């Protein structure tokens, strides 16, 4: 069994325990992976890959242009990198972390004649080291972005689980995000869960995972 197959087996068990009708998608976070490792995983059947830095995204997308990879942007987005990112046409931006960033992206997209799917990042654990909107403001910010931005289209939310070994605290951060997700009319993507906590994220309703180390590290 390959590493990818072993991960998919765990995802499937967690999915079935949650709801047999639930669909879970997997993005392979290739931040530290070489192009060769990406190709190897692609050849095993993985199609969606996520990059954290715009420069690395551009380099890998160019090098692997012959492959039908669905590229996601999953890192923090700086305003001075927006033009470069939207020109790369990612399938999904996971990390719109403020109303201000959303509006700037929308303006740049409109000027370029492009549209872009994205997620609102929520700092559900309220950790100062993490980006994202405050959970108590998330639903209102989401609604404002959805009503005022025409080129940037939100289709759900993303969070990073609490940075702790305490499973209950991690679960609370996921459950907080799930409650917000449930309040948002039309939201269809709940992106949460990484290598160390993805089964817990699925148990809390995640339908999009971002897995890196478990797929790529030796």
Foldseek 3Di string as FASTA:
>chain_A
DALVVVVVVLVCVLLVVQPNVAAAAEEAACAPPDLVLVVVVVVVPHAHYEYADLVVQVVSCVVPVVDNHQYEYEHEDDLVCLLSNVVSPHQEYQEPAALVSLVSNLVSQVVVVAAHEYAFEEALLPDPVDGHDHLVCVLVSLVVSCVPRDRYHYQYHEYEFDPDPDVVSRLNSLLSRLVSRVVHPRRDAYEYEEDPCNSSNVNSPHRYYYYYCSSDPD
